Amino acid sequence: MRFLSVNLNCFLVEFSSLEETVAAHHFLQHAQHPHIQEMIPAARTILVYFDHLFTDAKALIQWISAQKIDQDFFNSGKEVVINVRYDGIDLAHVAEYLGIGIDEVIQKHTDSRWQVAFIGFAPGFAYLISPDHPFGSIPRLASPRKKICAGSVGLAGEYSGIYPKDSPGGWQLIGQTHEKMWDLHRQQPALLLPSDQVVFNNITQNPVQITVPSTPFIANQLIEKTAILKVKSVGLQVLIQDQGRRNMASLGVGQAGAMDITAYASANQIVGNPHHAAVLEILNGGLRLQVLQSTVIAVTGAQAELWIHYASAHQVKENLYQPIALDQGDEVYISSPQAGIRNYLAIRGGIMVEQVLGSASYDSLAELGTPPIKVGDQIYSAQLKTLPVDLNQLPVSLPKVGAQVMVDIVLGPRTDWFTQDSLALLLEQCWLVTAESNRIGLRLFGDQPLQRQLHQELPSEGCCTGALQVPANGQPVLFMNDHPLTGGYPVIATVALYHLDLIAQLPAGCSIQFRPISDFMDINHNESAT
């Protein structure tokens, strides 16, 4: 095992084989260390998140290194039978590549033992491995297809997998199943979870499907709905957000949630809401609301003008970070910010929306949660129990367009994949935040791109929010809240936890200078740090 630094609350454990990775993940799941919060397994690594208030990386690394991990990890999960119609568009090509007949490809696929190694790419997409290695390594398509239908069964590398929804992809398709791999109406949306066993059943000659009605999972809903606000105009984007989804990596689902978590928390605290209440996240202003029922709101975050047109006909510019009482007929308008880019609007009692996997947040990558707010939508009260309003929340200074900000980073986990000159360049050069930035990631631009000294393909591995992933063009992408759980480009460093709120408020046109707060950690389980 090799341990690599990632951030103040996580590190990467690297293994020499996929089998070792799966075995270690299975062991750590069942060991249930009290301070391990979440794990993201991948092809050769496990990203381990821990509670940094109660332990540190050094202590946890020592504990993991001392464990005796059983390599016999198969037959450890539940068995799931998947009926497959073997008529995939690439079936003949796979047979030709392997030098065998189509019937033998099907037989190898159905006779082999398969187990879920990890979930990645999309919610519910299970990477299946077999100790028999029936196909060796199957190459991906040279050019990915723009659309692969949900239920398509494919092969790529040493894996087999089933697409949970219509999506682009480059796997070799050998069949199709009617099983729903991802269904939010089930209490467990993902049909397959890590360590589950999968048996493929050939129904090509008898494609009769027996549908067994299932009891749908009903989200908590309030019987009485009270509309508080009506949306009259929106700017670039208005989303429902809360603290996000935690510990859902086993389903292939990221955290999402409010980008500026401090501004989000302040908005709720000002109006006396519970800390988990949903709010509106407004990107670059432009939101106009009509008040339908008396309420109290607060707006925090970016430095924008907050205008209230009271029903009595007078218009007032109110301060941010204070409770504002509104009556029926009033109108609220938030202008484009002068500094920062995201505002948070909380209403007293919270916003009522459907909870998806324990959160109201919209995930723009996975397309989970309430879709973006549009003109004509009504905002309903969740009628949560409230506390007195808070008059002590204060705004923070935020960057304007053209500003240069200093951001702390933790080096790793793939710092050693880059030349020493590129590491120096990462720290010395200013990186421009481009307009091609969103909740998935900020695309950065530097006059001199970063150069790698290792050019082999990196097996997909877990990535955290703040990761600076460097694609082939050498221009970093800074992962944000809606980023994919795993990535296939090396991460040279990660933004420190305490600067993520700042990153969330950077307008396009700002520039970043990175400052390391620790050395790159690279520890073998029987060696000292280097």
Protein backbone atom coordinates (compact mmCIF):
# COMPACT_ATOMS: atom_id res chain seq x y z
CA MET A 1 0.00 0.00 0.00
CA ARG A 2 1.05 3.52 -0.84
CA PHE A 3 -0.50 6.55 0.89
CA LEU A 4 -0.69 9.88 -0.97
CA SER A 5 -1.79 13.31 0.29
CA VAL A 6 -5.03 14.82 -1.01
CA ASN A 7 -6.50 17.32 1.48
CA LEU A 8 -6.79 18.07 5.19
CA ASN A 9 -9.60 15.52 5.58
CA CYS A 10 -8.68 12.81 3.07
CA PHE A 11 -5.85 10.82 1.50
CA LEU A 12 -5.45 8.29 -1.29
CA VAL A 13 -4.45 4.67 -0.76
CA GLU A 14 -2.86 3.06 -3.82
CA PHE A 15 -2.64 -0.68 -4.47
CA SER A 16 -0.80 -2.83 -7.00
CA SER A 17 -3.90 -4.51 -8.42
CA LEU A 18 -7.66 -4.16 -8.74
CA GLU A 19 -8.14 -7.31 -6.66
CA GLU A 20 -6.15 -5.84 -3.76
CA THR A 21 -8.17 -2.62 -3.99
CA VAL A 22 -11.50 -4.45 -3.86
CA ALA A 23 -10.33 -6.64 -0.98
CA ALA A 24 -9.14 -3.64 1.04
CA HIS A 25 -12.36 -1.72 0.41
CA HIS A 26 -14.45 -4.71 1.47
CA PHE A 27 -12.35 -5.09 4.63
CA LEU A 28 -12.51 -1.40 5.56
CA GLN A 29 -16.27 -1.34 5.00
CA HIS A 30 -16.75 -4.12 7.53
CA ALA A 31 -14.08 -2.85 9.97
CA GLN A 32 -16.11 0.38 10.39
CA HIS A 33 -13.36 2.57 11.81
CA PRO A 34 -15.23 5.24 13.83
CA HIS A 35 -13.44 8.16 12.18
CA ILE A 36 -13.58 7.05 8.52
CA GLN A 37 -16.51 8.97 7.07
CA GLU A 38 -16.58 7.81 3.44
CA MET A 39 -14.53 5.88 0.91
CA ILE A 40 -14.43 6.13 -2.88
CA PRO A 41 -12.91 2.96 -4.37
CA ALA A 42 -11.63 2.92 -7.94
CA ALA A 43 -9.41 0.78 -10.17
CA ARG A 44 -6.21 0.87 -8.08
CA THR A 45 -6.99 3.32 -5.28
CA ILE A 46 -9.32 4.17 -2.41
CA LEU A 47 -9.96 7.81 -1.50
CA VAL A 48 -10.46 7.82 2.28
CA TYR A 49 -12.32 10.70 3.96
CA PHE A 50 -11.90 11.01 7.73
CA ASP A 51 -13.12 13.24 10.56
CA HIS A 52 -10.13 15.53 11.03
CA LEU A 53 -11.53 16.79 14.34
CA PHE A 54 -10.93 13.39 15.96
CA THR A 55 -7.96 11.91 14.08
CA ASP A 56 -5.29 12.79 11.55
CA ALA A 57 -3.88 11.20 8.43
CA LYS A 58 -0.80 9.82 10.19
CA ALA A 59 -2.78 7.92 12.84
CA LEU A 60 -5.24 6.54 10.30
CA ILE A 61 -2.47 5.46 7.93
CA GLN A 62 -0.79 3.59 10.77
CA TRP A 63 -4.06 1.83 11.60
CA ILE A 64 -4.76 0.80 7.98
CA SER A 65 -1.17 -0.40 7.50
CA ALA A 66 -1.43 -2.67 10.55
CA GLN A 67 -4.54 -4.51 9.32
CA LYS A 68 -4.51 -8.04 7.93
CA ILE A 69 -6.60 -7.83 4.79
CA ASP A 70 -8.16 -11.05 3.48
CA GLN A 71 -7.72 -11.29 -0.29
CA ASP A 72 -10.65 -13.71 -0.64
CA PHE A 73 -13.24 -11.01 -1.24
CA PHE A 74 -15.57 -12.80 -3.65
CA ASN A 75 -18.95 -14.20 -2.59
CA SER A 76 -19.19 -11.43 -0.01
CA GLY A 77 -22.26 -9.52 -1.21
CA LYS A 78 -25.80 -10.29 -2.27
CA GLU A 79 -26.43 -12.06 -5.58
CA VAL A 80 -28.27 -10.20 -8.34
CA VAL A 81 -29.42 -11.93 -11.53
CA ILE A 82 -29.44 -9.75 -14.66
CA ASN A 83 -31.39 -10.99 -17.69
CA VAL A 84 -29.57 -10.00 -20.89
CA ARG A 85 -30.56 -10.11 -24.54
CA TYR A 86 -27.21 -10.62 -26.29
CA ASP A 87 -27.69 -8.60 -29.47
CA GLY A 88 -25.29 -5.71 -28.88
CA ILE A 89 -23.96 -3.69 -31.79
CA ASP A 90 -20.34 -4.58 -30.93
CA LEU A 91 -20.85 -8.29 -30.14
CA ALA A 92 -19.46 -9.52 -33.47
CA HIS A 93 -16.51 -7.10 -33.23
CA VAL A 94 -15.65 -8.37 -29.72
CA ALA A 95 -15.78 -11.98 -30.96
CA GLU A 96 -13.49 -11.10 -33.87
CA TYR A 97 -11.06 -9.26 -31.57
CA LEU A 98 -10.87 -12.29 -29.27
CA GLY A 99 -10.66 -14.78 -32.15
CA ILE A 100 -13.67 -16.76 -30.94
CA GLY A 101 -17.31 -17.21 -31.96
CA ILE A 102 -20.21 -15.05 -30.81
CA ASP A 103 -21.72 -17.96 -28.87
CA GLU A 104 -18.47 -18.37 -26.95
CA VAL A 105 -18.42 -14.65 -26.03
CA ILE A 106 -21.92 -15.03 -24.62
CA GLN A 107 -21.01 -18.22 -22.77
CA LYS A 108 -17.90 -16.65 -21.23
CA HIS A 109 -19.97 -13.66 -20.07
CA THR A 110 -22.71 -15.80 -18.50
CA ASP A 111 -20.43 -18.52 -17.03
CA SER A 112 -18.05 -16.10 -15.28
CA ARG A 113 -18.42 -14.89 -11.71
CA TRP A 114 -18.79 -11.11 -11.60
CA GLN A 115 -18.61 -8.77 -8.64
CA VAL A 116 -19.08 -5.02 -8.25
CA ALA A 117 -15.67 -3.46 -7.73
CA PHE A 118 -16.82 0.16 -7.47
CA ILE A 119 -19.44 2.65 -8.68
CA GLY A 120 -18.35 5.50 -10.92
CA PHE A 121 -18.92 7.47 -14.13
CA ALA A 122 -22.61 8.01 -13.32
CA PRO A 123 -25.00 7.21 -10.44
CA GLY A 124 -25.62 3.47 -10.44
CA PHE A 125 -22.89 2.61 -12.98
CA ALA A 126 -21.21 -0.47 -11.51
CA TYR A 127 -17.76 -1.60 -12.66
CA LEU A 128 -17.89 -5.42 -12.59
CA ILE A 129 -14.80 -7.60 -12.37
CA SER A 130 -14.29 -11.34 -12.59
CA PRO A 131 -11.42 -13.39 -11.11
CA ASP A 132 -11.66 -15.56 -14.22
CA HIS A 133 -10.67 -12.60 -16.47
CA PRO A 134 -12.70 -14.16 -19.31
CA PHE A 135 -11.90 -11.48 -21.90
CA GLY A 136 -8.50 -10.15 -20.84
CA SER A 137 -8.61 -6.44 -21.67
CA ILE A 138 -11.15 -5.18 -24.22
CA PRO A 139 -10.23 -1.82 -25.83
CA ARG A 140 -12.70 1.03 -25.65
CA LEU A 141 -14.05 2.54 -28.87
CA ALA A 142 -11.62 4.91 -30.59
CA SER A 143 -14.40 7.51 -30.71
CA PRO A 144 -17.09 7.39 -27.98
CA ARG A 145 -20.73 7.24 -29.07
CA LYS A 146 -22.81 10.34 -28.36
CA LYS A 147 -25.66 8.26 -26.96
CA ILE A 148 -25.79 4.79 -25.45
CA CYS A 149 -29.22 3.60 -24.32
CA ALA A 150 -29.96 2.80 -20.70
CA GLY A 151 -29.62 -0.91 -20.02
CA SER A 152 -26.82 -1.46 -22.54
CA VAL A 153 -24.39 -4.15 -21.35
CA GLY A 154 -20.78 -3.48 -22.30
CA LEU A 155 -17.14 -4.47 -21.95
CA ALA A 156 -14.11 -2.18 -21.52
CA GLY A 157 -10.67 -3.03 -20.20
CA GLU A 158 -11.12 -5.80 -17.65
CA TYR A 159 -14.62 -4.66 -16.72
CA SER A 160 -18.20 -5.38 -17.66
CA GLY A 161 -20.89 -2.80 -16.94
CA ILE A 162 -24.46 -1.70 -17.57
CA TYR A 163 -25.38 1.87 -18.49
CA PRO A 164 -27.94 3.17 -15.93
CA LYS A 165 -29.28 5.93 -18.20
CA ASP A 166 -28.92 7.28 -21.72
CA SER A 167 -25.45 8.81 -21.91
CA PRO A 168 -22.33 9.13 -24.07
CA GLY A 169 -19.84 6.29 -23.74
CA GLY A 170 -17.07 4.28 -25.33
CA TRP A 171 -17.65 0.73 -24.10
CA GLN A 172 -18.09 -2.23 -26.48
CA LEU A 173 -21.79 -3.12 -26.34
CA ILE A 174 -22.69 -6.82 -26.31
CA GLY A 175 -26.29 -6.82 -25.07
CA GLN A 176 -29.25 -5.15 -23.44
CA THR A 177 -31.20 -5.61 -20.20
CA HIS A 178 -34.57 -4.30 -19.07
CA GLU A 179 -33.42 -4.17 -15.44
CA LYS A 180 -33.42 -0.64 -14.03
CA MET A 181 -29.91 0.00 -12.72
CA TRP A 182 -30.91 3.39 -11.27
CA ASP A 183 -34.42 4.19 -10.05
CA LEU A 184 -35.16 7.01 -7.63
CA HIS A 185 -38.56 5.46 -6.89
CA ARG A 186 -36.82 2.58 -5.12
CA GLN A 187 -35.68 2.98 -1.55
CA GLN A 188 -32.22 1.85 -2.75
CA PRO A 189 -31.95 3.64 -6.13
CA ALA A 190 -28.83 1.74 -7.28
CA LEU A 191 -29.58 -1.89 -8.12
CA LEU A 192 -25.93 -2.84 -7.61
CA LEU A 193 -23.63 -1.86 -4.75
CA PRO A 194 -19.91 -2.55 -4.16
CA SER A 195 -19.22 -6.24 -3.33
CA ASP A 196 -22.53 -7.44 -4.85
CA GLN A 197 -22.28 -10.57 -7.03
CA VAL A 198 -23.81 -10.49 -10.50
CA VAL A 199 -25.03 -13.43 -12.55
CA PHE A 200 -25.82 -12.74 -16.21
CA ASN A 201 -28.68 -14.82 -17.61
CA ASN A 202 -29.01 -15.23 -21.39
CA ILE A 203 -32.61 -14.59 -22.54
CA THR A 204 -31.76 -13.88 -26.19
CA GLN A 205 -33.93 -16.75 -27.44
CA ASN A 206 -36.67 -16.15 -24.88
CA PRO A 207 -36.90 -12.40 -24.27
CA VAL A 208 -40.04 -12.58 -22.15
CA GLN A 209 -39.85 -10.21 -19.22
CA ILE A 210 -41.88 -10.75 -16.07
CA THR A 211 -42.50 -7.48 -14.31
CA VAL A 212 -43.06 -7.69 -10.57
CA PRO A 213 -44.74 -4.55 -9.20
CA SER A 214 -42.62 -2.92 -6.54
CA THR A 215 -43.65 -0.56 -3.79
CA PRO A 216 -42.35 2.87 -4.80
CA PHE A 217 -40.31 4.89 -2.38
CA ILE A 218 -42.36 7.93 -1.37
CA ALA A 219 -40.38 10.98 -0.30
CA ASN A 220 -41.53 12.92 2.74
CA GLN A 221 -44.10 15.46 1.64
CA LEU A 222 -46.22 18.01 3.42
CA ILE A 223 -49.96 17.78 2.84
CA GLU A 224 -50.51 21.51 3.12
CA LYS A 225 -48.46 23.64 0.72
CA THR A 226 -48.16 27.35 1.31
CA ALA A 227 -46.80 29.37 -1.61
CA ILE A 228 -44.66 32.20 -0.27
CA LEU A 229 -42.95 33.58 -3.38
CA LYS A 230 -43.50 33.59 -7.14
CA VAL A 231 -40.58 33.84 -9.58
CA LYS A 232 -40.95 36.76 -12.02
CA SER A 233 -37.45 36.67 -13.56
CA VAL A 234 -34.22 34.72 -13.24
CA GLY A 235 -30.68 35.53 -14.27
CA LEU A 236 -28.11 32.95 -15.34
CA GLN A 237 -29.09 30.28 -12.83
CA VAL A 238 -31.14 29.88 -9.66
CA LEU A 239 -30.97 26.53 -7.84
CA ILE A 240 -32.33 24.92 -4.70
CA GLN A 241 -29.39 23.95 -2.47
CA ASP A 242 -28.73 22.76 1.06
CA GLN A 243 -25.81 20.97 2.73
CA GLY A 244 -25.75 18.34 0.00
CA ARG A 245 -25.70 14.54 -0.06
CA ARG A 246 -23.24 12.94 2.28
CA ASN A 247 -21.93 9.37 2.19
CA MET A 248 -23.57 8.50 -1.13
CA ALA A 249 -20.38 7.54 -3.00
CA SER A 250 -21.37 3.86 -2.91
CA LEU A 251 -24.26 4.80 -5.23
CA GLY A 252 -22.02 6.84 -7.52
CA VAL A 253 -23.52 10.11 -6.25
CA GLY A 254 -21.51 13.17 -5.25
CA GLN A 255 -22.24 15.72 -2.53
CA ALA A 256 -23.45 18.76 -4.55
CA GLY A 257 -24.87 21.31 -2.05
CA ALA A 258 -24.30 25.04 -1.60
CA MET A 259 -21.05 26.19 -3.18
CA ASP A 260 -20.35 28.86 -0.53
CA ILE A 261 -21.30 26.89 2.57
CA THR A 262 -20.56 29.79 4.95
CA ALA A 263 -22.89 32.21 3.13
CA TYR A 264 -25.52 29.45 2.98
CA ALA A 265 -25.29 28.84 6.72
CA SER A 266 -25.45 32.56 7.48
CA ALA A 267 -28.65 32.99 5.44
CA ASN A 268 -30.40 30.26 7.42
CA GLN A 269 -29.08 31.49 10.74
CA ILE A 270 -30.28 35.06 10.12
CA VAL A 271 -33.91 33.96 9.60
CA GLY A 272 -33.73 31.38 12.41
CA ASN A 273 -33.88 28.27 10.23
CA PRO A 274 -32.40 24.86 11.09
CA HIS A 275 -28.88 24.47 9.67
CA HIS A 276 -30.06 21.97 7.00
CA ALA A 277 -32.86 24.10 5.49
CA ALA A 278 -32.94 24.55 1.71
CA VAL A 279 -32.27 27.98 0.20
CA LEU A 280 -32.04 29.59 -3.24
CA GLU A 281 -28.54 29.83 -4.74
CA ILE A 282 -28.48 32.73 -7.24
CA LEU A 283 -25.70 32.98 -9.83
CA ASN A 284 -24.87 36.54 -10.98
CA GLY A 285 -28.11 38.13 -9.80
CA GLY A 286 -31.14 38.88 -11.95
CA LEU A 287 -33.69 37.20 -9.64
CA ARG A 288 -37.04 38.96 -9.14
CA LEU A 289 -39.64 37.55 -6.76
CA GLN A 290 -43.21 38.47 -5.96
CA VAL A 291 -44.28 37.98 -2.33
CA LEU A 292 -47.51 35.96 -1.99
CA GLN A 293 -47.60 35.57 1.80
CA SER A 294 -46.00 37.48 4.68
CA THR A 295 -42.53 36.14 5.41
CA VAL A 296 -39.01 37.01 6.53
CA ILE A 297 -36.03 36.60 4.17
CA ALA A 298 -32.28 37.08 4.28
CA VAL A 299 -29.82 37.41 1.40
CA THR A 300 -26.12 36.66 1.86
CA GLY A 301 -23.04 35.95 -0.25
CA ALA A 302 -21.99 38.10 -3.20
CA GLN A 303 -21.87 41.89 -2.92
CA ALA A 304 -25.07 42.71 -4.80
CA GLU A 305 -27.81 45.32 -4.45
CA LEU A 306 -30.98 44.02 -2.81
CA TRP A 307 -34.03 46.08 -3.81
CA ILE A 308 -37.43 45.72 -2.14
CA HIS A 309 -40.40 47.30 -3.91
CA TYR A 310 -42.93 47.46 -1.13
CA ALA A 311 -46.63 47.21 -1.94
CA SER A 312 -47.00 50.75 -0.58
CA ALA A 313 -45.21 51.82 -3.81
CA HIS A 314 -41.88 52.93 -2.37
CA GLN A 315 -38.67 51.14 -3.34
CA VAL A 316 -35.81 50.63 -0.85
CA LYS A 317 -32.29 49.26 -1.20
CA GLU A 318 -31.91 46.96 1.81
CA ASN A 319 -28.73 45.61 3.34
CA LEU A 320 -27.56 42.06 2.91
CA TYR A 321 -26.97 39.86 5.98
CA GLN A 322 -30.05 41.07 7.86
CA PRO A 323 -33.62 39.76 8.30
CA ILE A 324 -36.17 41.56 6.11
CA ALA A 325 -39.92 41.32 6.82
CA LEU A 326 -42.09 41.21 3.71
CA ASP A 327 -45.84 41.32 3.07
CA GLN A 328 -48.08 40.17 0.27
CA GLY A 329 -47.56 42.28 -2.85
CA ASP A 330 -43.95 43.22 -2.15
CA GLU A 331 -41.28 42.45 -4.76
CA VAL A 332 -37.65 41.40 -4.27
CA TYR A 333 -34.87 42.02 -6.80
CA ILE A 334 -31.20 41.02 -6.58
CA SER A 335 -28.85 42.82 -8.96
CA SER A 336 -25.75 41.50 -10.68
CA PRO A 337 -22.96 41.47 -8.04
CA GLN A 338 -20.07 43.90 -7.89
CA ALA A 339 -17.95 41.31 -6.03
CA GLY A 340 -18.40 37.55 -5.79
CA ILE A 341 -20.91 35.71 -7.98
CA ARG A 342 -23.31 33.71 -5.75
CA ASN A 343 -26.04 34.93 -3.41
CA TYR A 344 -28.12 32.83 -1.02
CA LEU A 345 -31.73 33.67 -0.21
CA ALA A 346 -33.37 31.97 2.78
CA ILE A 347 -37.02 32.28 3.82
CA ARG A 348 -38.05 31.79 7.42
CA GLY A 349 -39.32 28.21 7.78
CA GLY A 350 -37.24 26.93 4.87
CA ILE A 351 -38.14 25.99 1.30
CA MET A 352 -40.24 22.91 0.68
CA VAL A 353 -39.00 20.66 -2.11
CA GLU A 354 -38.78 16.91 -2.61
CA GLN A 355 -35.79 15.33 -0.87
CA VAL A 356 -33.73 13.13 -3.19
CA LEU A 357 -31.35 10.81 -1.35
CA GLY A 358 -31.67 12.89 1.80
CA SER A 359 -31.06 16.29 0.22
CA ALA A 360 -32.94 19.04 -1.61
CA SER A 361 -29.82 20.03 -3.58
CA TYR A 362 -29.72 20.03 -7.36
CA ASP A 363 -26.70 18.16 -8.78
CA SER A 364 -26.02 19.55 -12.25
CA LEU A 365 -23.81 16.61 -13.31
CA ALA A 366 -26.02 13.76 -12.11
CA GLU A 367 -29.22 15.77 -12.77
CA LEU A 368 -30.59 14.91 -9.34
CA GLY A 369 -32.93 17.08 -7.32
CA THR A 370 -35.26 19.94 -8.18
CA PRO A 371 -34.42 21.31 -11.67
CA PRO A 372 -33.22 24.93 -11.99
CA ILE A 373 -35.82 27.52 -10.98
CA LYS A 374 -37.67 29.14 -13.92
CA VAL A 375 -40.06 32.05 -14.42
CA GLY A 376 -43.51 31.25 -13.05
CA ASP A 377 -42.32 28.81 -10.39
CA GLN A 378 -43.73 29.19 -6.90
CA ILE A 379 -41.61 28.82 -3.77
CA TYR A 380 -43.35 26.99 -0.92
CA SER A 381 -42.67 27.10 2.80
CA ALA A 382 -41.34 23.94 4.45
CA GLN A 383 -42.83 25.21 7.73
CA LEU A 384 -39.77 24.08 9.67
CA LYS A 385 -39.46 24.86 13.35
CA THR A 386 -37.54 28.12 13.72
CA LEU A 387 -35.48 30.04 16.27
CA PRO A 388 -35.30 33.82 16.80
CA VAL A 389 -33.68 35.79 13.98
CA ASP A 390 -29.93 36.46 14.21
CA LEU A 391 -28.66 40.04 13.82
CA ASN A 392 -24.97 39.22 14.26
CA GLN A 393 -24.01 37.69 10.88
CA LEU A 394 -21.50 39.75 8.92
CA PRO A 395 -20.49 39.75 5.23
CA VAL A 396 -16.98 38.80 4.15
CA SER A 397 -14.80 40.54 1.58
CA LEU A 398 -15.11 38.92 -1.85
CA PRO A 399 -13.06 39.29 -5.06
CA LYS A 400 -14.07 41.48 -8.00
CA VAL A 401 -13.43 40.84 -11.69
CA GLY A 402 -9.71 41.29 -12.33
CA ALA A 403 -8.67 40.64 -8.73
CA GLN A 404 -5.77 38.35 -7.88
CA VAL A 405 -6.37 35.99 -4.95
CA MET A 406 -4.00 33.79 -2.98
CA VAL A 407 -5.32 30.25 -2.48
CA ASP A 408 -3.79 27.57 -0.24
CA ILE A 409 -3.29 24.08 -1.67
CA VAL A 410 -2.24 20.63 -0.48
CA LEU A 411 0.21 18.98 -2.89
CA GLY A 412 -0.78 15.53 -4.18
CA PRO A 413 -1.81 12.92 -4.91
CA ARG A 414 -0.06 12.94 -8.32
CA THR A 415 2.43 15.76 -7.87
CA ASP A 416 5.25 13.38 -8.85
CA TRP A 417 3.69 12.90 -12.30
CA PHE A 418 4.80 16.43 -13.21
CA THR A 419 8.20 17.94 -13.87
CA GLN A 420 9.88 20.04 -11.20
CA ASP A 421 9.63 23.03 -13.53
CA SER A 422 5.86 22.53 -13.77
CA LEU A 423 5.52 22.33 -10.00
CA ALA A 424 7.37 25.64 -9.74
CA LEU A 425 5.16 27.03 -12.50
CA LEU A 426 2.00 25.98 -10.66
CA LEU A 427 3.06 28.13 -7.70
CA GLU A 428 4.68 31.08 -9.48
CA GLN A 429 2.28 31.66 -12.34
CA CYS A 430 -1.12 33.35 -12.00
CA TRP A 431 -4.00 31.24 -13.31
CA LEU A 432 -6.94 33.00 -14.96
CA VAL A 433 -10.48 31.85 -14.12
CA THR A 434 -12.13 31.49 -17.54
CA ALA A 435 -15.79 31.91 -18.48
CA GLU A 436 -15.96 28.13 -19.07
CA SER A 437 -16.59 27.54 -15.38
CA ASN A 438 -19.60 26.15 -13.52
CA ARG A 439 -20.61 24.03 -10.51
CA ILE A 440 -18.74 21.05 -11.97
CA GLY A 441 -15.41 22.83 -12.27
CA LEU A 442 -13.47 26.01 -12.94
CA ARG A 443 -11.38 25.92 -16.10
CA LEU A 444 -8.12 27.77 -15.49
CA PHE A 445 -5.68 29.21 -18.00
CA GLY A 446 -1.99 29.93 -17.62
CA ASP A 447 0.40 31.41 -20.16
CA GLN A 448 2.58 28.32 -19.75
CA PRO A 449 0.79 24.95 -19.44
CA LEU A 450 1.95 22.29 -17.01
CA GLN A 451 4.08 19.42 -18.34
CA ARG A 452 4.02 15.82 -17.17
CA GLN A 453 7.06 13.62 -16.68
CA LEU A 454 4.93 10.46 -16.52
CA HIS A 455 2.80 9.95 -19.61
CA GLN A 456 1.16 6.55 -19.04
CA GLU A 457 -2.60 6.32 -18.67
CA LEU A 458 -3.85 6.90 -15.12
CA PRO A 459 -6.56 4.44 -14.03
CA SER A 460 -9.62 6.36 -12.83
CA GLU A 461 -9.37 7.32 -9.16
CA GLY A 462 -11.42 9.22 -6.61
CA CYS A 463 -11.30 13.02 -6.69
CA CYS A 464 -12.48 15.51 -4.07
CA THR A 465 -13.88 19.02 -4.32
CA GLY A 466 -10.99 21.41 -4.89
CA ALA A 467 -8.90 18.93 -6.89
CA LEU A 468 -6.67 20.49 -9.56
CA GLN A 469 -6.93 17.91 -12.33
CA VAL A 470 -4.57 18.45 -15.27
CA PRO A 471 -5.72 17.15 -18.68
CA ALA A 472 -3.47 16.64 -21.68
CA ASN A 473 -3.43 20.34 -22.60
CA GLY A 474 -1.73 21.21 -19.30
CA GLN A 475 -4.41 23.74 -18.24
CA PRO A 476 -5.86 22.76 -14.82
CA VAL A 477 -9.54 22.13 -14.10
CA LEU A 478 -10.50 22.93 -10.51
CA PHE A 479 -13.23 20.49 -9.44
CA MET A 480 -16.22 22.00 -7.63
CA ASN A 481 -19.28 20.60 -5.82
CA ASP A 482 -20.88 18.76 -8.76
CA HIS A 483 -17.67 17.14 -10.02
CA PRO A 484 -17.53 13.44 -11.01
CA LEU A 485 -16.52 11.12 -8.18
CA THR A 486 -13.63 9.68 -10.18
CA GLY A 487 -11.33 11.11 -12.81
CA GLY A 488 -8.73 9.80 -15.23
CA TYR A 489 -6.32 12.76 -15.31
CA PRO A 490 -3.64 13.30 -12.64
CA VAL A 491 -4.40 15.71 -9.79
CA ILE A 492 -1.33 17.82 -9.00
CA ALA A 493 -2.80 19.47 -5.85
CA THR A 494 -6.05 20.25 -4.04
CA VAL A 495 -7.43 23.53 -2.69
CA ALA A 496 -7.43 23.53 1.12
CA LEU A 497 -10.85 23.02 2.70
CA TYR A 498 -11.02 26.50 4.21
CA HIS A 499 -10.58 28.23 0.83
CA LEU A 500 -13.39 26.40 -1.03
CA ASP A 501 -15.93 29.13 -0.16
CA LEU A 502 -13.59 31.70 -1.71
CA ILE A 503 -13.21 29.62 -4.87
CA ALA A 504 -17.01 29.38 -5.15
CA GLN A 505 -17.22 33.19 -5.36
CA LEU A 506 -14.53 33.82 -8.00
CA PRO A 507 -15.82 35.65 -11.10
CA ALA A 508 -14.44 34.87 -14.53
CA GLY A 509 -11.53 37.25 -15.06
CA CYS A 510 -10.05 36.77 -11.60
CA SER A 511 -6.63 35.18 -11.30
CA ILE A 512 -5.37 32.71 -8.71
CA GLN A 513 -1.93 32.26 -7.24
CA PHE A 514 -1.45 28.98 -5.40
CA ARG A 515 0.44 28.61 -2.12
CA PRO A 516 1.35 25.17 -0.72
CA ILE A 517 0.67 24.59 2.98
CA SER A 518 2.37 21.20 3.22
CA ASP A 519 4.85 18.97 1.45
CA PHE A 520 3.73 16.21 -0.89
CA MET A 521 3.05 13.09 1.21
CA ASP A 522 4.12 9.77 -0.32
CA ILE A 523 4.28 6.93 2.23
CA ASN A 524 4.70 3.21 1.70
CA HIS A 525 3.20 1.19 4.55
CA ASN A 526 6.64 0.07 5.72
CA GLU A 527 8.48 3.32 5.04
CA SER A 528 8.61 6.83 6.44
CA ALA A 529 7.23 9.90 4.65
CA THR A 530 9.15 11.29 1.72
